[in-house]
Amino acid sequence: MLYLDDCIHLMDMYSDQTQRKIQLYYAANYLFEQGKSHPVVINMLSKYEPDVRLLTEMADQAMEDKWRKIFNETQRLFSEGKTYGEVVDEVRHMESDEEILHFICNSWYRVKTLYIDHLIDAPTNITEGIEGVAFCSIGVCAVFYFDAFLLSKIVWVGGLLTSLVTWLYGLQKRSIKGLKKIIEEDYAQLANLR
């Protein structure tokens, strides 16, 4: 199962140079979305990146949303049932940097895995939560009606609360708007999933 920590540490498996490229690309992309011009983006990011050639390259790619095009193609190829290796081979002509290429393909693969995990787990959590709430509600009523020991009351109330949390967790997983947005619009938001 993929959690937020896995998403945040996605970049740890890439070289420092690739991590800098990813950060610059996302920063430039964000600034372009805010309506900044190419020269302004370069000027703003030059405070953080001394390599102007690298900065300009990443800003150029972000301006034309190059990675989005690769991501979309990766998404299309995976939907056709191609393996990871086949997808990488088919999109290789779109990006010369092998690590960036793998970063983009891995991003889609992780998003899809998380999406499937949510689709499968949500109904189970909801069902188990509702069953637990029903069962524990009866137990809580019984221990209070028969004035049972304090420990019994604590155990039954604890079970009820745990069941409620499981049910709410399932409901939260079922509302996968954040994943749908990533899949359909903005893969750069993968690290922001909760």
Protein backbone atom coordinates (compact mmCIF):
# COMPACT_ATOMS: atom_id res chain seq x y z
CA MET A 1 0.00 0.00 0.00
CA LEU A 2 1.30 3.48 -0.87
CA TYR A 3 1.18 6.10 1.84
CA LEU A 4 2.00 9.81 1.88
CA ASP A 5 5.54 9.16 3.12
CA ASP A 6 6.15 6.98 0.06
CA CYS A 7 4.93 9.79 -2.17
CA ILE A 8 7.09 12.40 -0.50
CA HIS A 9 10.15 10.19 -0.77
CA LEU A 10 9.52 9.39 -4.42
CA MET A 11 12.51 11.46 -5.42
CA ASP A 12 14.94 9.76 -3.00
CA MET A 13 15.71 7.06 -5.54
CA TYR A 14 17.04 9.58 -8.10
CA SER A 15 20.36 11.41 -8.36
CA ASP A 16 20.84 14.89 -6.92
CA GLN A 17 20.87 16.35 -10.44
CA THR A 18 17.55 14.70 -11.27
CA GLN A 19 16.05 15.85 -7.97
CA ARG A 20 17.09 19.42 -8.79
CA LYS A 21 15.50 19.10 -12.24
CA ILE A 22 12.25 17.81 -10.74
CA GLN A 23 12.12 20.61 -8.18
CA LEU A 24 12.89 23.26 -10.79
CA TYR A 25 10.32 21.86 -13.21
CA TYR A 26 7.57 21.82 -10.58
CA ALA A 27 8.48 25.28 -9.31
CA ALA A 28 8.53 26.71 -12.86
CA ASN A 29 5.27 24.94 -13.69
CA TYR A 30 3.65 26.42 -10.59
CA LEU A 31 4.87 29.91 -11.44
CA PHE A 32 3.59 29.61 -15.01
CA GLU A 33 0.20 28.57 -13.63
CA GLN A 34 0.28 31.75 -11.52
CA GLY A 35 0.59 33.77 -14.73
CA LYS A 36 4.29 34.57 -14.53
CA SER A 37 6.22 35.10 -17.77
CA HIS A 38 9.26 33.06 -18.78
CA PRO A 39 11.79 35.81 -17.90
CA VAL A 40 10.11 36.37 -14.52
CA VAL A 41 10.19 32.64 -13.75
CA ILE A 42 13.89 32.47 -14.65
CA ASN A 43 14.62 35.53 -12.52
CA MET A 44 12.66 34.22 -9.51
CA LEU A 45 14.19 30.75 -9.61
CA SER A 46 17.75 31.96 -10.27
CA LYS A 47 17.89 32.85 -6.56
CA TYR A 48 17.72 29.11 -5.81
CA GLU A 49 19.54 27.62 -8.80
CA PRO A 50 22.92 28.99 -9.88
CA ASP A 51 23.07 26.85 -13.04
CA VAL A 52 21.23 29.14 -15.48
CA ARG A 53 21.45 26.60 -18.31
CA LEU A 54 19.70 23.94 -16.23
CA LEU A 55 17.17 26.46 -14.95
CA THR A 56 16.37 27.68 -18.47
CA GLU A 57 16.02 24.11 -19.75
CA MET A 58 13.58 23.20 -16.97
CA ALA A 59 11.61 26.45 -17.39
CA ASP A 60 11.35 25.82 -21.15
CA GLN A 61 10.04 22.31 -20.52
CA ALA A 62 7.61 23.52 -17.87
CA MET A 63 6.35 26.30 -20.12
CA GLU A 64 5.32 23.80 -22.79
CA ASP A 65 4.25 21.28 -20.10
CA LYS A 66 6.48 18.64 -21.64
CA TRP A 67 6.27 16.22 -18.72
CA ARG A 68 2.46 16.33 -18.81
CA LYS A 69 2.60 15.12 -22.41
CA ILE A 70 4.92 12.26 -21.44
CA PHE A 71 2.74 11.45 -18.44
CA ASN A 72 -0.38 11.38 -20.62
CA GLU A 73 1.31 9.08 -23.12
CA THR A 74 2.50 6.85 -20.27
CA GLN A 75 -1.06 6.73 -18.95
CA ARG A 76 -2.40 5.80 -22.38
CA LEU A 77 0.18 3.05 -22.89
CA PHE A 78 -0.42 1.53 -19.46
CA SER A 79 -4.16 1.53 -20.19
CA GLU A 80 -3.43 -0.53 -23.29
CA GLY A 81 -1.94 -3.21 -21.04
CA LYS A 82 1.71 -2.58 -21.84
CA THR A 83 4.35 -3.48 -19.29
CA TYR A 84 6.54 -0.91 -17.58
CA GLY A 85 9.50 -1.73 -19.84
CA GLU A 86 7.39 -1.43 -22.98
CA VAL A 87 6.02 1.92 -21.84
CA VAL A 88 9.50 3.26 -21.10
CA ASP A 89 10.72 2.09 -24.51
CA GLU A 90 7.82 3.78 -26.30
CA VAL A 91 8.15 7.16 -24.56
CA ARG A 92 11.95 7.23 -24.59
CA HIS A 93 11.96 9.43 -27.69
CA MET A 94 10.06 12.12 -25.75
CA GLU A 95 12.70 12.63 -23.03
CA SER A 96 16.46 12.21 -23.29
CA ASP A 97 17.11 12.08 -19.54
CA GLU A 98 16.63 8.46 -18.51
CA GLU A 99 16.03 9.24 -14.83
CA ILE A 100 13.38 11.86 -15.60
CA LEU A 101 11.73 9.36 -17.91
CA HIS A 102 11.64 6.76 -15.12
CA PHE A 103 10.39 9.38 -12.65
CA ILE A 104 7.42 10.19 -14.89
CA CYS A 105 6.61 6.53 -15.59
CA ASN A 106 6.98 5.62 -11.90
CA SER A 107 4.70 8.52 -10.94
CA TRP A 108 1.88 7.14 -13.07
CA TYR A 109 2.50 3.61 -11.84
CA ARG A 110 2.29 4.77 -8.20
CA VAL A 111 -0.83 6.86 -8.81
CA LYS A 112 -2.55 3.90 -10.46
CA THR A 113 -1.51 1.60 -7.60
CA LEU A 114 -2.87 4.02 -5.03
CA TYR A 115 -6.08 4.44 -7.03
CA ILE A 116 -6.65 0.68 -7.20
CA ASP A 117 -5.82 0.31 -3.50
CA HIS A 118 -8.48 2.88 -2.64
CA LEU A 119 -11.06 1.24 -4.90
CA ILE A 120 -10.51 -2.15 -3.29
CA ASP A 121 -10.08 -1.13 0.36
CA ALA A 122 -12.84 1.46 0.67
CA PRO A 123 -15.83 -0.93 0.45
CA THR A 124 -14.15 -3.35 2.88
CA ASN A 125 -13.49 -0.62 5.43
CA ILE A 126 -17.03 0.70 5.10
CA THR A 127 -18.60 -2.74 5.53
CA GLU A 128 -16.39 -3.72 8.48
CA GLY A 129 -16.95 -0.33 10.08
CA ILE A 130 -20.74 -0.52 9.81
CA GLU A 131 -20.80 -4.09 11.14
CA GLY A 132 -18.54 -3.08 14.03
CA VAL A 133 -20.65 -0.02 14.85
CA ALA A 134 -23.82 -2.12 14.89
CA PHE A 135 -22.28 -4.87 17.04
CA CYS A 136 -20.53 -2.51 19.46
CA SER A 137 -23.58 -0.26 19.79
CA ILE A 138 -25.54 -3.23 21.08
CA GLY A 139 -22.66 -4.09 23.42
CA VAL A 140 -22.38 -0.52 24.72
CA CYS A 141 -26.13 -0.39 25.38
CA ALA A 142 -25.95 -3.72 27.20
CA VAL A 143 -23.02 -2.82 29.47
CA PHE A 144 -24.65 0.46 30.46
CA TYR A 145 -28.09 -1.13 30.91
CA PHE A 146 -26.70 -3.89 33.15
CA ASP A 147 -24.30 -1.44 34.83
CA ALA A 148 -21.27 -3.60 34.06
CA PHE A 149 -17.78 -2.98 35.39
CA LEU A 150 -15.95 0.12 34.21
CA LEU A 151 -13.42 -1.98 32.27
CA SER A 152 -16.23 -3.60 30.25
CA LYS A 153 -17.65 -0.18 29.43
CA ILE A 154 -14.23 1.06 28.31
CA VAL A 155 -13.67 -1.99 26.09
CA TRP A 156 -17.06 -1.71 24.39
CA VAL A 157 -16.82 2.07 23.89
CA GLY A 158 -13.28 1.59 22.54
CA GLY A 159 -14.59 -1.00 20.08
CA LEU A 160 -17.35 1.36 19.01
CA LEU A 161 -14.89 4.21 18.44
CA THR A 162 -12.54 1.94 16.50
CA SER A 163 -15.42 0.80 14.30
CA LEU A 164 -16.47 4.40 13.67
CA VAL A 165 -12.91 5.31 12.66
CA THR A 166 -12.74 2.32 10.30
CA TRP A 167 -16.05 3.30 8.71
CA LEU A 168 -14.99 6.96 8.31
CA TYR A 169 -11.62 5.87 6.90
CA GLY A 170 -13.46 3.79 4.30
CA LEU A 171 -15.69 6.74 3.42
CA GLN A 172 -12.64 8.98 3.07
CA LYS A 173 -10.93 6.42 0.82
CA ARG A 174 -14.06 6.16 -1.29
CA SER A 175 -13.98 9.86 -2.05
CA ILE A 176 -10.97 9.71 -4.32
CA LYS A 177 -11.38 13.13 -5.86
CA GLY A 178 -7.74 13.90 -5.17
CA LEU A 179 -6.65 10.79 -7.04
CA LYS A 180 -9.02 11.49 -9.91
CA LYS A 181 -7.57 14.99 -10.20
CA ILE A 182 -4.05 13.58 -10.31
CA ILE A 183 -5.02 10.98 -12.87
CA GLU A 184 -6.95 13.38 -15.07
CA GLU A 185 -5.24 16.73 -14.53
CA ASP A 186 -2.19 17.24 -12.34
CA TYR A 187 0.24 14.44 -11.60
CA ALA A 188 2.52 16.96 -9.86
CA GLN A 189 0.15 16.83 -6.88
CA LEU A 190 1.04 13.21 -6.06
CA ALA A 191 3.09 14.26 -3.02
CA ASN A 192 0.14 16.23 -1.61
CA LEU A 193 -2.22 13.28 -1.27
CA ARG A 194 -3.50 12.50 2.18
